[in-house]
């Protein structure tokens, strides 16, 4: 692996975790939205001409198929005759934990990107001397 590929791999991790953080923030913002299904994203290996490159990319977004909770609130405009409506399947504790994990992964990729860039710059300085 060259320094350039290490930079590309770290940058791909930054992009993938950025997508993950965006979906997590959307989930948190919609935690109280009736009928909202949690968004999930998985990671896939990057490929170039059918070969894995070592990079990572965010896969397609999918919705959590977990059952939506029944919320009893007869005064809610979406409540049926029985007083219930479908809530959101977002669990704020899970989202906060996922956000912390994604944030730490983002920071690790950023540090790797910076170190790789510094190593490349040092190598260029040596070559120029």
C-alpha atoms as a PDB file:
ATOM      1  CA  UNK A   1       0.000   0.000   0.000  1.00  0.00           C
ATOM      2  CA  UNK A   2       1.415   3.379  -0.950  1.00  0.00           C
ATOM      3  CA  UNK A   3       0.929   6.605   0.956  1.00  0.00           C
ATOM      4  CA  UNK A   4      -1.473   7.766  -1.740  1.00  0.00           C
ATOM      5  CA  UNK A   5      -3.626   4.675  -1.323  1.00  0.00           C
ATOM      6  CA  UNK A   6      -3.563   5.077   2.471  1.00  0.00           C
ATOM      7  CA  UNK A   7      -4.859   8.613   1.983  1.00  0.00           C
ATOM      8  CA  UNK A   8      -7.578   7.366  -0.373  1.00  0.00           C
ATOM      9  CA  UNK A   9      -8.604   4.650   2.086  1.00  0.00           C
ATOM     10  CA  UNK A  10      -8.809   7.141   4.970  1.00  0.00           C
ATOM     11  CA  UNK A  11     -10.789   9.582   2.801  1.00  0.00           C
ATOM     12  CA  UNK A  12     -13.244   6.822   1.879  1.00  0.00           C
ATOM     13  CA  UNK A  13     -13.725   6.104   5.586  1.00  0.00           C
ATOM     14  CA  UNK A  14     -14.405   9.796   6.207  1.00  0.00           C
ATOM     15  CA  UNK A  15     -17.071   9.841   3.490  1.00  0.00           C
ATOM     16  CA  UNK A  16     -18.718   6.629   4.719  1.00  0.00           C
ATOM     17  CA  UNK A  17     -18.855   7.746   8.359  1.00  0.00           C
ATOM     18  CA  UNK A  18     -20.166  11.140   7.220  1.00  0.00           C
ATOM     19  CA  UNK A  19     -23.089   9.404   5.505  1.00  0.00           C
ATOM     20  CA  UNK A  20     -23.689   7.326   8.631  1.00  0.00           C
ATOM     21  CA  UNK A  21     -23.679  10.431  10.850  1.00  0.00           C
ATOM     22  CA  UNK A  22     -26.165  12.156   8.534  1.00  0.00           C
ATOM     23  CA  UNK A  23     -28.611   9.247   8.832  1.00  0.00           C
ATOM     24  CA  UNK A  24     -28.167   9.114  12.608  1.00  0.00           C
ATOM     25  CA  UNK A  25     -28.909  12.845  12.894  1.00  0.00           C
ATOM     26  CA  UNK A  26     -32.030  12.395  10.758  1.00  0.00           C
ATOM     27  CA  UNK A  27     -33.142   9.585  13.068  1.00  0.00           C
ATOM     28  CA  UNK A  28     -32.650  11.732  16.162  1.00  0.00           C
ATOM     29  CA  UNK A  29     -34.489  14.646  14.564  1.00  0.00           C
ATOM     30  CA  UNK A  30     -37.461  12.403  13.761  1.00  0.00           C
ATOM     31  CA  UNK A  31     -37.587  10.381  16.991  1.00  0.00           C
ATOM     32  CA  UNK A  32     -41.012  11.828  17.833  1.00  0.00           C
ATOM     33  CA  UNK A  33     -42.403  11.765  14.279  1.00  0.00           C
ATOM     34  CA  UNK A  34     -45.358   9.359  14.099  1.00  0.00           C
ATOM     35  CA  UNK A  35     -44.756   6.453  11.720  1.00  0.00           C
ATOM     36  CA  UNK A  36     -41.060   7.269  11.226  1.00  0.00           C
ATOM     37  CA  UNK A  37     -38.807   4.264  10.626  1.00  0.00           C
ATOM     38  CA  UNK A  38     -35.179   4.423  11.680  1.00  0.00           C
ATOM     39  CA  UNK A  39     -32.680   4.718   8.798  1.00  0.00           C
ATOM     40  CA  UNK A  40     -29.780   2.273   8.696  1.00  0.00           C
ATOM     41  CA  UNK A  41     -26.656   2.203   6.568  1.00  0.00           C
ATOM     42  CA  UNK A  42     -24.095  -0.549   6.114  1.00  0.00           C
ATOM     43  CA  UNK A  43     -20.612  -0.382   4.674  1.00  0.00           C
ATOM     44  CA  UNK A  44     -19.364  -2.150   1.565  1.00  0.00           C
ATOM     45  CA  UNK A  45     -15.843  -2.656   0.239  1.00  0.00           C
ATOM     46  CA  UNK A  46     -14.777  -0.304  -2.528  1.00  0.00           C
ATOM     47  CA  UNK A  47     -14.151  -1.969  -5.873  1.00  0.00           C
ATOM     48  CA  UNK A  48     -12.334  -0.966  -9.022  1.00  0.00           C
ATOM     49  CA  UNK A  49     -12.782  -3.177 -12.069  1.00  0.00           C
ATOM     50  CA  UNK A  50     -14.146  -5.936  -9.832  1.00  0.00           C
ATOM     51  CA  UNK A  51     -11.181  -5.907  -7.435  1.00  0.00           C
ATOM     52  CA  UNK A  52     -11.354  -4.686  -3.851  1.00  0.00           C
ATOM     53  CA  UNK A  53      -9.379  -1.503  -3.354  1.00  0.00           C
ATOM     54  CA  UNK A  54      -9.229  -1.437   0.458  1.00  0.00           C
ATOM     55  CA  UNK A  55     -11.551   1.549   0.459  1.00  0.00           C
ATOM     56  CA  UNK A  56     -14.973   1.509   2.049  1.00  0.00           C
ATOM     57  CA  UNK A  57     -18.231   3.083   0.973  1.00  0.00           C
ATOM     58  CA  UNK A  58     -21.661   3.493   2.481  1.00  0.00           C
ATOM     59  CA  UNK A  59     -24.154   1.038   1.081  1.00  0.00           C
ATOM     60  CA  UNK A  60     -27.764   1.760   0.292  1.00  0.00           C
ATOM     61  CA  UNK A  61     -29.852   3.253   3.049  1.00  0.00           C
ATOM     62  CA  UNK A  62     -32.536   0.934   4.364  1.00  0.00           C
ATOM     63  CA  UNK A  63     -35.277   1.314   6.941  1.00  0.00           C
ATOM     64  CA  UNK A  64     -35.360  -0.601  10.211  1.00  0.00           C
ATOM     65  CA  UNK A  65     -38.232  -3.042   9.840  1.00  0.00           C
ATOM     66  CA  UNK A  66     -38.793  -3.290  13.595  1.00  0.00           C
ATOM     67  CA  UNK A  67     -42.399  -2.932  14.597  1.00  0.00           C
ATOM     68  CA  UNK A  68     -43.620   0.595  15.246  1.00  0.00           C
ATOM     69  CA  UNK A  69     -44.880   1.068  18.801  1.00  0.00           C
ATOM     70  CA  UNK A  70     -48.518   1.789  19.521  1.00  0.00           C
ATOM     71  CA  UNK A  71     -48.766   5.089  21.410  1.00  0.00           C
ATOM     72  CA  UNK A  72     -51.873   5.854  23.425  1.00  0.00           C
ATOM     73  CA  UNK A  73     -52.855   9.504  23.126  1.00  0.00           C
ATOM     74  CA  UNK A  74     -56.544  10.020  22.373  1.00  0.00           C
ATOM     75  CA  UNK A  75     -55.971  13.771  21.855  1.00  0.00           C
ATOM     76  CA  UNK A  76     -53.373  13.259  19.103  1.00  0.00           C
ATOM     77  CA  UNK A  77     -54.649  14.195  15.628  1.00  0.00           C
ATOM     78  CA  UNK A  78     -53.363  10.877  14.183  1.00  0.00           C
ATOM     79  CA  UNK A  79     -54.958   8.712  16.883  1.00  0.00           C
ATOM     80  CA  UNK A  80     -57.592   6.267  15.765  1.00  0.00           C
ATOM     81  CA  UNK A  81     -60.932   5.698  17.408  1.00  0.00           C
ATOM     82  CA  UNK A  82     -59.190   3.529  20.003  1.00  0.00           C
ATOM     83  CA  UNK A  83     -56.873   6.441  20.975  1.00  0.00           C
ATOM     84  CA  UNK A  84     -53.676   4.850  19.557  1.00  0.00           C
ATOM     85  CA  UNK A  85     -51.334   5.916  16.768  1.00  0.00           C
ATOM     86  CA  UNK A  86     -48.111   4.421  15.399  1.00  0.00           C
ATOM     87  CA  UNK A  87     -45.015   6.001  16.919  1.00  0.00           C
ATOM     88  CA  UNK A  88     -41.398   5.937  15.765  1.00  0.00           C
ATOM     89  CA  UNK A  89     -39.037   2.972  16.150  1.00  0.00           C
ATOM     90  CA  UNK A  90     -36.082   5.279  16.940  1.00  0.00           C
ATOM     91  CA  UNK A  91     -34.380   4.571  20.270  1.00  0.00           C
ATOM     92  CA  UNK A  92     -32.432   7.684  21.308  1.00  0.00           C
ATOM     93  CA  UNK A  93     -29.982   5.693  23.460  1.00  0.00           C
ATOM     94  CA  UNK A  94     -29.047   3.517  20.466  1.00  0.00           C
ATOM     95  CA  UNK A  95     -28.746   6.557  18.196  1.00  0.00           C
ATOM     96  CA  UNK A  96     -26.492   8.402  20.631  1.00  0.00           C
ATOM     97  CA  UNK A  97     -24.266   5.323  20.997  1.00  0.00           C
ATOM     98  CA  UNK A  98     -24.118   4.932  17.198  1.00  0.00           C
ATOM     99  CA  UNK A  99     -23.309   8.632  16.806  1.00  0.00           C
ATOM    100  CA  UNK A 100     -20.464   8.351  19.297  1.00  0.00           C
ATOM    101  CA  UNK A 101     -19.062   5.297  17.493  1.00  0.00           C
ATOM    102  CA  UNK A 102     -19.347   6.962  14.065  1.00  0.00           C
ATOM    103  CA  UNK A 103     -17.753  10.141  15.391  1.00  0.00           C
ATOM    104  CA  UNK A 104     -14.786   8.240  16.823  1.00  0.00           C
ATOM    105  CA  UNK A 105     -14.355   6.310  13.578  1.00  0.00           C
ATOM    106  CA  UNK A 106     -14.489   9.589  11.660  1.00  0.00           C
ATOM    107  CA  UNK A 107     -11.807  11.078  13.929  1.00  0.00           C
ATOM    108  CA  UNK A 108      -9.591   7.984  13.510  1.00  0.00           C
ATOM    109  CA  UNK A 109      -9.870   8.225   9.723  1.00  0.00           C
ATOM    110  CA  UNK A 110      -9.096  11.931   9.869  1.00  0.00           C
ATOM    111  CA  UNK A 111      -5.973  11.262  11.949  1.00  0.00           C
ATOM    112  CA  UNK A 112      -4.864   8.546   9.503  1.00  0.00           C
ATOM    113  CA  UNK A 113      -5.468  10.908   6.576  1.00  0.00           C
ATOM    114  CA  UNK A 114      -3.375  13.633   8.214  1.00  0.00           C
ATOM    115  CA  UNK A 115      -0.521  11.264   9.103  1.00  0.00           C
ATOM    116  CA  UNK A 116      -0.436   9.851   5.591  1.00  0.00           C
ATOM    117  CA  UNK A 117      -0.403  13.340   4.119  1.00  0.00           C
ATOM    118  CA  UNK A 118       2.444  14.386   6.431  1.00  0.00           C
ATOM    119  CA  UNK A 119       4.446  11.292   5.489  1.00  0.00           C
ATOM    120  CA  UNK A 120       3.973  12.070   1.790  1.00  0.00           C
ATOM    121  CA  UNK A 121       5.054  15.673   2.322  1.00  0.00           C
ATOM    122  CA  UNK A 122       8.174  14.544   4.226  1.00  0.00           C
ATOM    123  CA  UNK A 123       9.047  12.113   1.461  1.00  0.00           C
ATOM    124  CA  UNK A 124       8.711  14.859  -1.146  1.00  0.00           C
ATOM    125  CA  UNK A 125      10.978  17.117   0.944  1.00  0.00           C
ATOM    126  CA  UNK A 126      13.630  14.378   1.009  1.00  0.00           C
ATOM    127  CA  UNK A 127      13.422  13.881  -2.730  1.00  0.00           C
ATOM    128  CA  UNK A 128      13.794  17.619  -3.410  1.00  0.00           C
ATOM    129  CA  UNK A 129      17.009  17.881  -1.378  1.00  0.00           C
END
